[in-house]
Amino acid sequence: MAKGYNAGPSARPGGNMMAQIAKLQEQMAAAQAEIAEAQITETAGGGAVAVTMTGDQKCTAVSIQEDVLKDADAEMLQDLLLTAINKALDSTRALSEEKMAPFANLLGGMGMGR
């Protein structure tokens, strides 16, 4: 055996770093899956309109109370829908930022993010 030869896992320069990166990728994928599966519902007009979105911003449901349809004009209903949709979008972005912040901070510290 050659002098200084080490057959252990640390023999490869950066071997430990590669394992850490692979683990980080797995954790990021799990966080992204958690975000995609999340269901967020936001309302407007005191619950007259409700919009449900997944964490990855796919609208899955819109609910409008019947009495709003009887009494509302089109412009008011449009405003309620826009408000609920925008609130749901804001909430999904906040969820994503919350779940992904640890990774962004870690990658930023390694000179790889932002």
PDB file of N, CA and C in Angstrom:
ATOM      1  N   MET A   1       0.839  -1.168   0.000  1.00  0.00           N
ATOM      2  CA  MET A   1       0.000   0.000   0.000  1.00  0.00           C
ATOM      3  C   MET A   1       0.889   1.237   0.000  1.00  0.00           C
ATOM      4  N   ALA A   2       0.540   2.204  -0.793  1.00  0.00           N
ATOM      5  CA  ALA A   2       1.332   3.419  -0.907  1.00  0.00           C
ATOM      6  C   ALA A   2       1.197   4.256   0.354  1.00  0.00           C
ATOM      7  N   LYS A   3       2.297   4.941   0.659  1.00  0.00           N
ATOM      8  CA  LYS A   3       2.318   5.788   1.849  1.00  0.00           C
ATOM      9  C   LYS A   3       1.264   6.898   1.705  1.00  0.00           C
ATOM     10  N   GLY A   4       0.479   7.110   2.760  1.00  0.00           N
ATOM     11  CA  GLY A   4      -0.525   8.151   2.743  1.00  0.00           C
ATOM     12  C   GLY A   4      -1.845   7.727   2.104  1.00  0.00           C
ATOM     13  N   TYR A   5      -1.933   6.477   1.615  1.00  0.00           N
ATOM     14  CA  TYR A   5      -3.170   6.001   0.988  1.00  0.00           C
ATOM     15  C   TYR A   5      -4.189   5.703   2.063  1.00  0.00           C
ATOM     16  N   ASN A   6      -5.380   6.195   1.888  1.00  0.00           N
ATOM     17  CA  ASN A   6      -6.464   5.965   2.833  1.00  0.00           C
ATOM     18  C   ASN A   6      -7.663   5.470   2.042  1.00  0.00           C
ATOM     19  N   ALA A   7      -8.087   4.253   2.314  1.00  0.00           N
ATOM     20  CA  ALA A   7      -9.183   3.658   1.551  1.00  0.00           C
ATOM     21  C   ALA A   7     -10.555   3.970   2.146  1.00  0.00           C
ATOM     22  N   GLY A   8     -10.604   4.774   3.202  1.00  0.00           N
ATOM     23  CA  GLY A   8     -11.878   5.089   3.852  1.00  0.00           C
ATOM     24  C   GLY A   8     -12.705   6.074   3.043  1.00  0.00           C
ATOM     25  N   PRO A   9     -13.902   6.373   3.508  1.00  0.00           N
ATOM     26  CA  PRO A   9     -14.806   7.262   2.785  1.00  0.00           C
ATOM     27  C   PRO A   9     -14.253   8.669   2.606  1.00  0.00           C
ATOM     28  N   SER A  10     -13.371   9.095   3.491  1.00  0.00           N
ATOM     29  CA  SER A  10     -12.838  10.443   3.346  1.00  0.00           C
ATOM     30  C   SER A  10     -11.661  10.496   2.385  1.00  0.00           C
ATOM     31  N   ALA A  11     -11.356   9.355   1.742  1.00  0.00           N
ATOM     32  CA  ALA A  11     -10.246   9.326   0.786  1.00  0.00           C
ATOM     33  C   ALA A  11     -10.542  10.228  -0.405  1.00  0.00           C
ATOM     34  N   ARG A  12     -11.809  10.275  -0.823  1.00  0.00           N
ATOM     35  CA  ARG A  12     -12.199  11.140  -1.941  1.00  0.00           C
ATOM     36  C   ARG A  12     -12.358  12.552  -1.441  1.00  0.00           C
ATOM     37  N   PRO A  13     -11.633  13.484  -2.001  1.00  0.00           N
ATOM     38  CA  PRO A  13     -11.842  14.871  -1.578  1.00  0.00           C
ATOM     39  C   PRO A  13     -13.283  15.287  -1.862  1.00  0.00           C
ATOM     40  N   GLY A  14     -13.916  15.888  -0.870  1.00  0.00           N
ATOM     41  CA  GLY A  14     -15.293  16.340  -1.065  1.00  0.00           C
ATOM     42  C   GLY A  14     -16.322  15.244  -0.927  1.00  0.00           C
ATOM     43  N   GLY A  15     -15.914  14.029  -0.560  1.00  0.00           N
ATOM     44  CA  GLY A  15     -16.864  12.923  -0.426  1.00  0.00           C
ATOM     45  C   GLY A  15     -17.946  13.207   0.580  1.00  0.00           C
ATOM     46  N   ASN A  16     -17.555  13.756   1.720  1.00  0.00           N
ATOM     47  CA  ASN A  16     -18.519  14.103   2.753  1.00  0.00           C
ATOM     48  C   ASN A  16     -19.435  15.224   2.274  1.00  0.00           C
ATOM     49  N   MET A  17     -18.868  16.164   1.545  1.00  0.00           N
ATOM     50  CA  MET A  17     -19.656  17.288   1.010  1.00  0.00           C
ATOM     51  C   MET A  17     -20.704  16.765   0.028  1.00  0.00           C
ATOM     52  N   MET A  18     -20.339  15.802  -0.797  1.00  0.00           N
ATOM     53  CA  MET A  18     -21.280  15.239  -1.765  1.00  0.00           C
ATOM     54  C   MET A  18     -22.434  14.539  -1.042  1.00  0.00           C
ATOM     55  N   ALA A  19     -22.120  13.838   0.046  1.00  0.00           N
ATOM     56  CA  ALA A  19     -23.166  13.164   0.819  1.00  0.00           C
ATOM     57  C   ALA A  19     -24.102  14.205   1.444  1.00  0.00           C
ATOM     58  N   GLN A  20     -23.539  15.300   1.931  1.00  0.00           N
ATOM     59  CA  GLN A  20     -24.353  16.357   2.520  1.00  0.00           C
ATOM     60  C   GLN A  20     -25.249  17.004   1.470  1.00  0.00           C
ATOM     61  N   ILE A  21     -24.716  17.204   0.277  1.00  0.00           N
ATOM     62  CA  ILE A  21     -25.509  17.796  -0.812  1.00  0.00           C
ATOM     63  C   ILE A  21     -26.641  16.856  -1.213  1.00  0.00           C
ATOM     64  N   ALA A  22     -26.342  15.554  -1.281  1.00  0.00           N
ATOM     65  CA  ALA A  22     -27.383  14.578  -1.626  1.00  0.00           C
ATOM     66  C   ALA A  22     -28.483  14.580  -0.565  1.00  0.00           C
ATOM     67  N   LYS A  23     -28.100  14.661   0.707  1.00  0.00           N
ATOM     68  CA  LYS A  23     -29.088  14.707   1.788  1.00  0.00           C
ATOM     69  C   LYS A  23     -29.912  15.989   1.692  1.00  0.00           C
ATOM     70  N   LEU A  24     -29.252  17.090   1.397  1.00  0.00           N
ATOM     71  CA  LEU A  24     -29.934  18.374   1.237  1.00  0.00           C
ATOM     72  C   LEU A  24     -30.948  18.309   0.097  1.00  0.00           C
ATOM     73  N   GLN A  25     -30.567  17.675  -1.007  1.00  0.00           N
ATOM     74  CA  GLN A  25     -31.481  17.537  -2.147  1.00  0.00           C
ATOM     75  C   GLN A  25     -32.712  16.723  -1.755  1.00  0.00           C
ATOM     76  N   GLU A  26     -32.502  15.665  -0.966  1.00  0.00           N
ATOM     77  CA  GLU A  26     -33.632  14.852  -0.511  1.00  0.00           C
ATOM     78  C   GLU A  26     -34.559  15.677   0.378  1.00  0.00           C
ATOM     79  N   GLN A  27     -33.973  16.457   1.284  1.00  0.00           N
ATOM     80  CA  GLN A  27     -34.781  17.283   2.170  1.00  0.00           C
ATOM     81  C   GLN A  27     -35.545  18.347   1.391  1.00  0.00           C
ATOM     82  N   MET A  28     -34.909  18.933   0.381  1.00  0.00           N
ATOM     83  CA  MET A  28     -35.580  19.935  -0.448  1.00  0.00           C
ATOM     84  C   MET A  28     -36.738  19.309  -1.217  1.00  0.00           C
ATOM     85  N   ALA A  29     -36.528  18.115  -1.753  1.00  0.00           N
ATOM     86  CA  ALA A  29     -37.592  17.428  -2.488  1.00  0.00           C
ATOM     87  C   ALA A  29     -38.768  17.116  -1.561  1.00  0.00           C
ATOM     88  N   ALA A  30     -38.469  16.720  -0.333  1.00  0.00           N
ATOM     89  CA  ALA A  30     -39.534  16.431   0.631  1.00  0.00           C
ATOM     90  C   ALA A  30     -40.310  17.708   0.975  1.00  0.00           C
ATOM     91  N   ALA A  31     -39.600  18.812   1.151  1.00  0.00           N
ATOM     92  CA  ALA A  31     -40.260  20.094   1.448  1.00  0.00           C
ATOM     93  C   ALA A  31     -41.128  20.530   0.277  1.00  0.00           C
ATOM     94  N   GLN A  32     -40.635  20.357  -0.942  1.00  0.00           N
ATOM     95  CA  GLN A  32     -41.416  20.732  -2.128  1.00  0.00           C
ATOM     96  C   GLN A  32     -42.672  19.869  -2.248  1.00  0.00           C
ATOM     97  N   ALA A  33     -42.562  18.584  -1.928  1.00  0.00           N
ATOM     98  CA  ALA A  33     -43.728  17.705  -1.973  1.00  0.00           C
ATOM     99  C   ALA A  33     -44.743  18.117  -0.910  1.00  0.00           C
ATOM    100  N   GLU A  34     -44.249  18.491   0.263  1.00  0.00           N
ATOM    101  CA  GLU A  34     -45.130  18.950   1.340  1.00  0.00           C
ATOM    102  C   GLU A  34     -45.869  20.224   0.926  1.00  0.00           C
ATOM    103  N   ILE A  35     -45.160  21.114   0.267  1.00  0.00           N
ATOM    104  CA  ILE A  35     -45.774  22.358  -0.216  1.00  0.00           C
ATOM    105  C   ILE A  35     -46.866  22.038  -1.239  1.00  0.00           C
ATOM    106  N   ALA A  36     -46.551  21.161  -2.189  1.00  0.00           N
ATOM    107  CA  ALA A  36     -47.500  20.826  -3.253  1.00  0.00           C
ATOM    108  C   ALA A  36     -48.773  20.188  -2.700  1.00  0.00           C
ATOM    109  N   GLU A  37     -48.645  19.423  -1.606  1.00  0.00           N
ATOM    110  CA  GLU A  37     -49.800  18.728  -1.040  1.00  0.00           C
ATOM    111  C   GLU A  37     -50.636  19.613  -0.116  1.00  0.00           C
ATOM    112  N   ALA A  38     -50.087  20.728   0.327  1.00  0.00           N
ATOM    113  CA  ALA A  38     -50.803  21.608   1.255  1.00  0.00           C
ATOM    114  C   ALA A  38     -52.052  22.178   0.585  1.00  0.00           C
ATOM    115  N   GLN A  39     -53.118  22.307   1.352  1.00  0.00           N
ATOM    116  CA  GLN A  39     -54.364  22.910   0.885  1.00  0.00           C
ATOM    117  C   GLN A  39     -54.589  24.179   1.691  1.00  0.00           C
ATOM    118  N   ILE A  40     -54.696  25.304   1.015  1.00  0.00           N
ATOM    119  CA  ILE A  40     -54.871  26.588   1.680  1.00  0.00           C
ATOM    120  C   ILE A  40     -56.177  27.202   1.195  1.00  0.00           C
ATOM    121  N   THR A  41     -57.025  27.576   2.139  1.00  0.00           N
ATOM    122  CA  THR A  41     -58.296  28.203   1.805  1.00  0.00           C
ATOM    123  C   THR A  41     -58.308  29.616   2.368  1.00  0.00           C
ATOM    124  N   GLU A  42     -58.656  30.561   1.524  1.00  0.00           N
ATOM    125  CA  GLU A  42     -58.800  31.962   1.931  1.00  0.00           C
ATOM    126  C   GLU A  42     -60.190  32.429   1.536  1.00  0.00           C
ATOM    127  N   THR A  43     -60.709  33.371   2.320  1.00  0.00           N
ATOM    128  CA  THR A  43     -62.063  33.870   2.079  1.00  0.00           C
ATOM    129  C   THR A  43     -62.073  35.383   1.891  1.00  0.00           C
ATOM    130  N   ALA A  44     -63.190  35.875   1.394  1.00  0.00           N
ATOM    131  CA  ALA A  44     -63.424  37.313   1.255  1.00  0.00           C
ATOM    132  C   ALA A  44     -64.895  37.564   1.557  1.00  0.00           C
ATOM    133  N   GLY A  45     -65.186  38.795   1.924  1.00  0.00           N
ATOM    134  CA  GLY A  45     -66.571  39.165   2.203  1.00  0.00           C
ATOM    135  C   GLY A  45     -67.150  38.412   3.386  1.00  0.00           C
ATOM    136  N   GLY A  46     -66.310  38.207   4.414  1.00  0.00           N
ATOM    137  CA  GLY A  46     -66.801  37.510   5.606  1.00  0.00           C
ATOM    138  C   GLY A  46     -67.150  36.060   5.340  1.00  0.00           C
ATOM    139  N   GLY A  47     -66.483  35.444   4.396  1.00  0.00           N
ATOM    140  CA  GLY A  47     -66.733  34.043   4.068  1.00  0.00           C
ATOM    141  C   GLY A  47     -67.705  33.854   2.926  1.00  0.00           C
ATOM    142  N   ALA A  48     -68.145  34.951   2.313  1.00  0.00           N
ATOM    143  CA  ALA A  48     -69.092  34.853   1.205  1.00  0.00           C
ATOM    144  C   ALA A  48     -68.478  34.125   0.013  1.00  0.00           C
ATOM    145  N   VAL A  49     -67.172  34.293  -0.157  1.00  0.00           N
ATOM    146  CA  VAL A  49     -66.435  33.633  -1.239  1.00  0.00           C
ATOM    147  C   VAL A  49     -65.228  32.958  -0.616  1.00  0.00           C
ATOM    148  N   ALA A  50     -64.961  31.720  -1.011  1.00  0.00           N
ATOM    149  CA  ALA A  50     -63.788  30.990  -0.535  1.00  0.00           C
ATOM    150  C   ALA A  50     -63.056  30.387  -1.721  1.00  0.00           C
ATOM    151  N   VAL A  51     -61.731  30.455  -1.678  1.00  0.00           N
ATOM    152  CA  VAL A  51     -60.890  29.878  -2.723  1.00  0.00           C
ATOM    153  C   VAL A  51     -59.879  28.950  -2.047  1.00  0.00           C
ATOM    154  N   THR A  52     -59.752  27.736  -2.579  1.00  0.00           N
ATOM    155  CA  THR A  52     -58.786  26.776  -2.056  1.00  0.00           C
ATOM    156  C   THR A  52     -57.739  26.515  -3.120  1.00  0.00           C
ATOM    157  N   MET A  53     -56.469  26.580  -2.705  1.00  0.00           N
ATOM    158  CA  MET A  53     -55.336  26.324  -3.603  1.00  0.00           C
ATOM    159  C   MET A  53     -54.383  25.354  -2.933  1.00  0.00           C
ATOM    160  N   THR A  54     -53.657  24.635  -3.771  1.00  0.00           N
ATOM    161  CA  THR A  54     -52.568  23.824  -3.259  1.00  0.00           C
ATOM    162  C   THR A  54     -51.371  24.740  -3.036  1.00  0.00           C
ATOM    163  N   GLY A  55     -50.399  24.256  -2.303  1.00  0.00           N
ATOM    164  CA  GLY A  55     -49.213  25.041  -2.032  1.00  0.00           C
ATOM    165  C   GLY A  55     -48.436  25.410  -3.274  1.00  0.00           C
ATOM    166  N   ASP A  56     -48.609  24.618  -4.341  1.00  0.00           N
ATOM    167  CA  ASP A  56     -47.927  24.958  -5.591  1.00  0.00           C
ATOM    168  C   ASP A  56     -48.828  25.764  -6.526  1.00  0.00           C
ATOM    169  N   GLN A  57     -49.812  26.419  -5.935  1.00  0.00           N
ATOM    170  CA  GLN A  57     -50.660  27.426  -6.571  1.00  0.00           C
ATOM    171  C   GLN A  57     -51.597  26.897  -7.653  1.00  0.00           C
ATOM    172  N   LYS A  58     -52.155  25.724  -7.421  1.00  0.00           N
ATOM    173  CA  LYS A  58     -53.201  25.218  -8.305  1.00  0.00           C
ATOM    174  C   LYS A  58     -54.527  25.385  -7.572  1.00  0.00           C
ATOM    175  N   CYS A  59     -55.452  26.076  -8.205  1.00  0.00           N
ATOM    176  CA  CYS A  59     -56.758  26.309  -7.610  1.00  0.00           C
ATOM    177  C   CYS A  59     -57.550  25.000  -7.663  1.00  0.00           C
ATOM    178  N   THR A  60     -58.037  24.557  -6.500  1.00  0.00           N
ATOM    179  CA  THR A  60     -58.776  23.300  -6.443  1.00  0.00           C
ATOM    180  C   THR A  60     -60.261  23.490  -6.148  1.00  0.00           C
ATOM    181  N   ALA A  61     -60.630  24.661  -5.627  1.00  0.00           N
ATOM    182  CA  ALA A  61     -62.049  24.875  -5.323  1.00  0.00           C
ATOM    183  C   ALA A  61     -62.352  26.362  -5.201  1.00  0.00           C
ATOM    184  N   VAL A  62     -63.567  26.703  -5.606  1.00  0.00           N
ATOM    185  CA  VAL A  62     -64.113  28.044  -5.417  1.00  0.00           C
ATOM    186  C   VAL A  62     -65.525  27.850  -4.883  1.00  0.00           C
ATOM    187  N   SER A  63     -65.820  28.548  -3.797  1.00  0.00           N
ATOM    188  CA  SER A  63     -67.133  28.428  -3.185  1.00  0.00           C
ATOM    189  C   SER A  63     -67.743  29.816  -3.040  1.00  0.00           C
ATOM    190  N   ILE A  64     -69.011  29.929  -3.438  1.00  0.00           N
ATOM    191  CA  ILE A  64     -69.736  31.193  -3.334  1.00  0.00           C
ATOM    192  C   ILE A  64     -71.055  30.907  -2.621  1.00  0.00           C
ATOM    193  N   GLN A  65     -71.309  31.622  -1.536  1.00  0.00           N
ATOM    194  CA  GLN A  65     -72.567  31.427  -0.815  1.00  0.00           C
ATOM    195  C   GLN A  65     -73.735  31.855  -1.701  1.00  0.00           C
ATOM    196  N   GLU A  66     -74.819  31.102  -1.625  1.00  0.00           N
ATOM    197  CA  GLU A  66     -75.984  31.353  -2.486  1.00  0.00           C
ATOM    198  C   GLU A  66     -76.559  32.748  -2.324  1.00  0.00           C
ATOM    199  N   ASP A  67     -76.610  33.243  -1.093  1.00  0.00           N
ATOM    200  CA  ASP A  67     -77.214  34.559  -0.888  1.00  0.00           C
ATOM    201  C   ASP A  67     -76.407  35.664  -1.554  1.00  0.00           C
ATOM    202  N   VAL A  68     -75.110  35.426  -1.758  1.00  0.00           N
ATOM    203  CA  VAL A  68     -74.285  36.408  -2.479  1.00  0.00           C
ATOM    204  C   VAL A  68     -74.713  36.463  -3.943  1.00  0.00           C
ATOM    205  N   LEU A  69     -75.045  35.318  -4.493  1.00  0.00           N
ATOM    206  CA  LEU A  69     -75.468  35.271  -5.891  1.00  0.00           C
ATOM    207  C   LEU A  69     -76.818  35.958  -6.090  1.00  0.00           C
ATOM    208  N   LYS A  70     -77.674  35.878  -5.089  1.00  0.00           N
ATOM    209  CA  LYS A  70     -78.996  36.511  -5.187  1.00  0.00           C
ATOM    210  C   LYS A  70     -78.893  38.029  -5.083  1.00  0.00           C
ATOM    211  N   ASP A  71     -78.036  38.479  -4.166  1.00  0.00           N
ATOM    212  CA  ASP A  71     -77.974  39.904  -3.859  1.00  0.00           C
ATOM    213  C   ASP A  71     -76.854  40.657  -4.560  1.00  0.00           C
ATOM    214  N   ALA A  72     -75.875  39.951  -5.066  1.00  0.00           N
ATOM    215  CA  ALA A  72     -74.666  40.616  -5.561  1.00  0.00           C
ATOM    216  C   ALA A  72     -74.789  41.037  -7.015  1.00  0.00           C
ATOM    217  N   ASP A  73     -74.096  42.110  -7.313  1.00  0.00           N
ATOM    218  CA  ASP A  73     -73.943  42.464  -8.712  1.00  0.00           C
ATOM    219  C   ASP A  73     -72.618  41.853  -9.182  1.00  0.00           C
ATOM    220  N   ALA A  74     -72.432  41.809 -10.457  1.00  0.00           N
ATOM    221  CA  ALA A  74     -71.258  41.151 -11.032  1.00  0.00           C
ATOM    222  C   ALA A  74     -69.956  41.778 -10.540  1.00  0.00           C
ATOM    223  N   GLU A  75     -69.918  43.102 -10.460  1.00  0.00           N
ATOM    224  CA  GLU A  75     -68.687  43.782 -10.053  1.00  0.00           C
ATOM    225  C   GLU A  75     -68.299  43.424  -8.615  1.00  0.00           C
ATOM    226  N   MET A  76     -69.279  43.353  -7.730  1.00  0.00           N
ATOM    227  CA  MET A  76     -68.981  43.000  -6.344  1.00  0.00           C
ATOM    228  C   MET A  76     -68.467  41.564  -6.248  1.00  0.00           C
ATOM    229  N   LEU A  77     -69.094  40.660  -6.970  1.00  0.00           N
ATOM    230  CA  LEU A  77     -68.667  39.259  -6.969  1.00  0.00           C
ATOM    231  C   LEU A  77     -67.251  39.125  -7.522  1.00  0.00           C
ATOM    232  N   GLN A  78     -66.950  39.853  -8.580  1.00  0.00           N
ATOM    233  CA  GLN A  78     -65.600  39.833  -9.142  1.00  0.00           C
ATOM    234  C   GLN A  78     -64.578  40.329  -8.126  1.00  0.00           C
ATOM    235  N   ASP A  79     -64.910  41.398  -7.416  1.00  0.00           N
ATOM    236  CA  ASP A  79     -64.001  41.928  -6.396  1.00  0.00           C
ATOM    237  C   ASP A  79     -63.769  40.915  -5.281  1.00  0.00           C
ATOM    238  N   LEU A  80     -64.833  40.244  -4.856  1.00  0.00           N
ATOM    239  CA  LEU A  80     -64.699  39.226  -3.805  1.00  0.00           C
ATOM    240  C   LEU A  80     -63.806  38.077  -4.272  1.00  0.00           C
ATOM    241  N   LEU A  81     -64.031  37.638  -5.502  1.00  0.00           N
ATOM    242  CA  LEU A  81     -63.212  36.547  -6.042  1.00  0.00           C
ATOM    243  C   LEU A  81     -61.744  36.957  -6.154  1.00  0.00           C
ATOM    244  N   LEU A  82     -61.499  38.150  -6.676  1.00  0.00           N
ATOM    245  CA  LEU A  82     -60.118  38.629  -6.793  1.00  0.00           C
ATOM    246  C   LEU A  82     -59.439  38.704  -5.426  1.00  0.00           C
ATOM    247  N   THR A  83     -60.160  39.193  -4.447  1.00  0.00           N
ATOM    248  CA  THR A  83     -59.602  39.303  -3.102  1.00  0.00           C
ATOM    249  C   THR A  83     -59.245  37.930  -2.548  1.00  0.00           C
ATOM    250  N   ALA A  84     -60.158  36.977  -2.654  1.00  0.00           N
ATOM    251  CA  ALA A  84     -59.904  35.630  -2.130  1.00  0.00           C
ATOM    252  C   ALA A  84     -58.759  34.951  -2.880  1.00  0.00           C
ATOM    253  N   ILE A  85     -58.716  35.100  -4.189  1.00  0.00           N
ATOM    254  CA  ILE A  85     -57.649  34.494  -4.982  1.00  0.00           C
ATOM    255  C   ILE A  85     -56.295  35.089  -4.613  1.00  0.00           C
ATOM    256  N   ASN A  86     -56.228  36.401  -4.516  1.00  0.00           N
ATOM    257  CA  ASN A  86     -54.956  37.050  -4.174  1.00  0.00           C
ATOM    258  C   ASN A  86     -54.495  36.694  -2.766  1.00  0.00           C
ATOM    259  N   LYS A  87     -55.433  36.574  -1.830  1.00  0.00           N
ATOM    260  CA  LYS A  87     -55.074  36.153  -0.479  1.00  0.00           C
ATOM    261  C   LYS A  87     -54.524  34.728  -0.494  1.00  0.00           C
ATOM    262  N   ALA A  88     -55.161  33.850  -1.277  1.00  0.00           N
ATOM    263  CA  ALA A  88     -54.694  32.466  -1.367  1.00  0.00           C
ATOM    264  C   ALA A  88     -53.303  32.404  -2.001  1.00  0.00           C
ATOM    265  N   LEU A  89     -53.081  33.191  -3.051  1.00  0.00           N
ATOM    266  CA  LEU A  89     -51.755  33.235  -3.679  1.00  0.00           C
ATOM    267  C   LEU A  89     -50.700  33.739  -2.699  1.00  0.00           C
ATOM    268  N   ASP A  90     -51.020  34.784  -1.952  1.00  0.00           N
ATOM    269  CA  ASP A  90     -50.087  35.304  -0.950  1.00  0.00           C
ATOM    270  C   ASP A  90     -49.766  34.238   0.099  1.00  0.00           C
ATOM    271  N   SER A  91     -50.776  33.500   0.527  1.00  0.00           N
ATOM    272  CA  SER A  91     -50.571  32.459   1.536  1.00  0.00           C
ATOM    273  C   SER A  91     -49.714  31.315   1.000  1.00  0.00           C
ATOM    274  N   THR A  92     -49.912  30.955  -0.270  1.00  0.00           N
ATOM    275  CA  THR A  92     -49.090  29.877  -0.833  1.00  0.00           C
ATOM    276  C   THR A  92     -47.641  30.324  -0.967  1.00  0.00           C
ATOM    277  N   ARG A  93     -47.430  31.589  -1.337  1.00  0.00           N
ATOM    278  CA  ARG A  93     -46.057  32.105  -1.420  1.00  0.00           C
ATOM    279  C   ARG A  93     -45.398  32.129  -0.043  1.00  0.00           C
ATOM    280  N   ALA A  94     -46.150  32.530   0.958  1.00  0.00           N
ATOM    281  CA  ALA A  94     -45.611  32.569   2.322  1.00  0.00           C
ATOM    282  C   ALA A  94     -45.257  31.161   2.802  1.00  0.00           C
ATOM    283  N   LEU A  95     -46.114  30.193   2.500  1.00  0.00           N
ATOM    284  CA  LEU A  95     -45.837  28.807   2.870  1.00  0.00           C
ATOM    285  C   LEU A  95     -44.560  28.316   2.207  1.00  0.00           C
ATOM    286  N   SER A  96     -44.440  28.598   0.922  1.00  0.00           N
ATOM    287  CA  SER A  96     -43.252  28.170   0.180  1.00  0.00           C
ATOM    288  C   SER A  96     -41.985  28.817   0.742  1.00  0.00           C
ATOM    289  N   GLU A  97     -42.057  30.103   1.021  1.00  0.00           N
ATOM    290  CA  GLU A  97     -40.894  30.797   1.590  1.00  0.00           C
ATOM    291  C   GLU A  97     -40.521  30.212   2.946  1.00  0.00           C
ATOM    292  N   GLU A  98     -41.530  29.920   3.751  1.00  0.00           N
ATOM    293  CA  GLU A  98     -41.284  29.360   5.090  1.00  0.00           C
ATOM    294  C   GLU A  98     -40.601  27.996   4.992  1.00  0.00           C
ATOM    295  N   LYS A  99     -41.117  27.143   4.114  1.00  0.00           N
ATOM    296  CA  LYS A  99     -40.588  25.780   3.999  1.00  0.00           C
ATOM    297  C   LYS A  99     -39.219  25.743   3.318  1.00  0.00           C
ATOM    298  N   MET A 100     -38.972  26.686   2.405  1.00  0.00           N
ATOM    299  CA  MET A 100     -37.723  26.652   1.639  1.00  0.00           C
ATOM    300  C   MET A 100     -36.642  27.573   2.215  1.00  0.00           C
ATOM    301  N   ALA A 101     -36.989  28.424   3.173  1.00  0.00           N
ATOM    302  CA  ALA A 101     -36.019  29.371   3.739  1.00  0.00           C
ATOM    303  C   ALA A 101     -34.765  28.701   4.291  1.00  0.00           C
ATOM    304  N   PRO A 102     -34.874  27.586   5.013  1.00  0.00           N
ATOM    305  CA  PRO A 102     -33.645  26.976   5.523  1.00  0.00           C
ATOM    306  C   PRO A 102     -32.677  26.575   4.399  1.00  0.00           C
ATOM    307  N   PHE A 103     -33.222  26.142   3.290  1.00  0.00           N
ATOM    308  CA  PHE A 103     -32.369  25.724   2.178  1.00  0.00           C
ATOM    309  C   PHE A 103     -31.749  26.936   1.488  1.00  0.00           C
ATOM    310  N   ALA A 104     -32.539  27.986   1.330  1.00  0.00           N
ATOM    311  CA  ALA A 104     -32.022  29.200   0.702  1.00  0.00           C
ATOM    312  C   ALA A 104     -30.902  29.792   1.555  1.00  0.00           C
ATOM    313  N   ASN A 105     -31.092  29.811   2.876  1.00  0.00           N
ATOM    314  CA  ASN A 105     -30.071  30.339   3.773  1.00  0.00           C
ATOM    315  C   ASN A 105     -28.806  29.489   3.715  1.00  0.00           C
ATOM    316  N   LEU A 106     -28.967  28.180   3.702  1.00  0.00           N
ATOM    317  CA  LEU A 106     -27.821  27.284   3.659  1.00  0.00           C
ATOM    318  C   LEU A 106     -27.063  27.434   2.337  1.00  0.00           C
ATOM    319  N   LEU A 107     -27.806  27.434   1.237  1.00  0.00           N
ATOM    320  CA  LEU A 107     -27.160  27.561  -0.067  1.00  0.00           C
ATOM    321  C   LEU A 107     -26.525  28.930  -0.240  1.00  0.00           C
ATOM    322  N   GLY A 108     -27.176  29.969   0.297  1.00  0.00           N
ATOM    323  CA  GLY A 108     -26.615  31.312   0.241  1.00  0.00           C
ATOM    324  C   GLY A 108     -25.294  31.384   0.988  1.00  0.00           C
ATOM    325  N   GLY A 109     -25.223  30.692   2.120  1.00  0.00           N
ATOM    326  CA  GLY A 109     -23.991  30.656   2.901  1.00  0.00           C
ATOM    327  C   GLY A 109     -22.871  29.920   2.205  1.00  0.00           C
ATOM    328  N   MET A 110     -23.237  29.038   1.268  1.00  0.00           N
ATOM    329  CA  MET A 110     -22.230  28.286   0.512  1.00  0.00           C
ATOM    330  C   MET A 110     -21.889  29.007  -0.772  1.00  0.00           C
ATOM    331  N   GLY A 111     -22.466  30.189  -0.979  1.00  0.00           N
ATOM    332  CA  GLY A 111     -22.214  30.936  -2.205  1.00  0.00           C
ATOM    333  C   GLY A 111     -22.974  30.421  -3.392  1.00  0.00           C
ATOM    334  N   MET A 112     -24.041  29.625  -3.152  1.00  0.00           N
ATOM    335  CA  MET A 112     -24.790  29.005  -4.252  1.00  0.00           C
ATOM    336  C   MET A 112     -26.158  29.611  -4.448  1.00  0.00           C
ATOM    337  N   GLY A 113     -26.639  30.415  -3.515  1.00  0.00           N
ATOM    338  CA  GLY A 113     -27.995  30.962  -3.634  1.00  0.00           C
ATOM    339  C   GLY A 113     -27.964  32.449  -3.860  1.00  0.00           C
ATOM    340  N   ARG A 114     -29.124  32.977  -4.152  1.00  0.00           N
ATOM    341  CA  ARG A 114     -29.390  34.405  -4.328  1.00  0.00           C
ATOM    342  C   ARG A 114     -28.313  35.107  -5.009  1.00  0.00           C
TER     343      ARG A 114
END
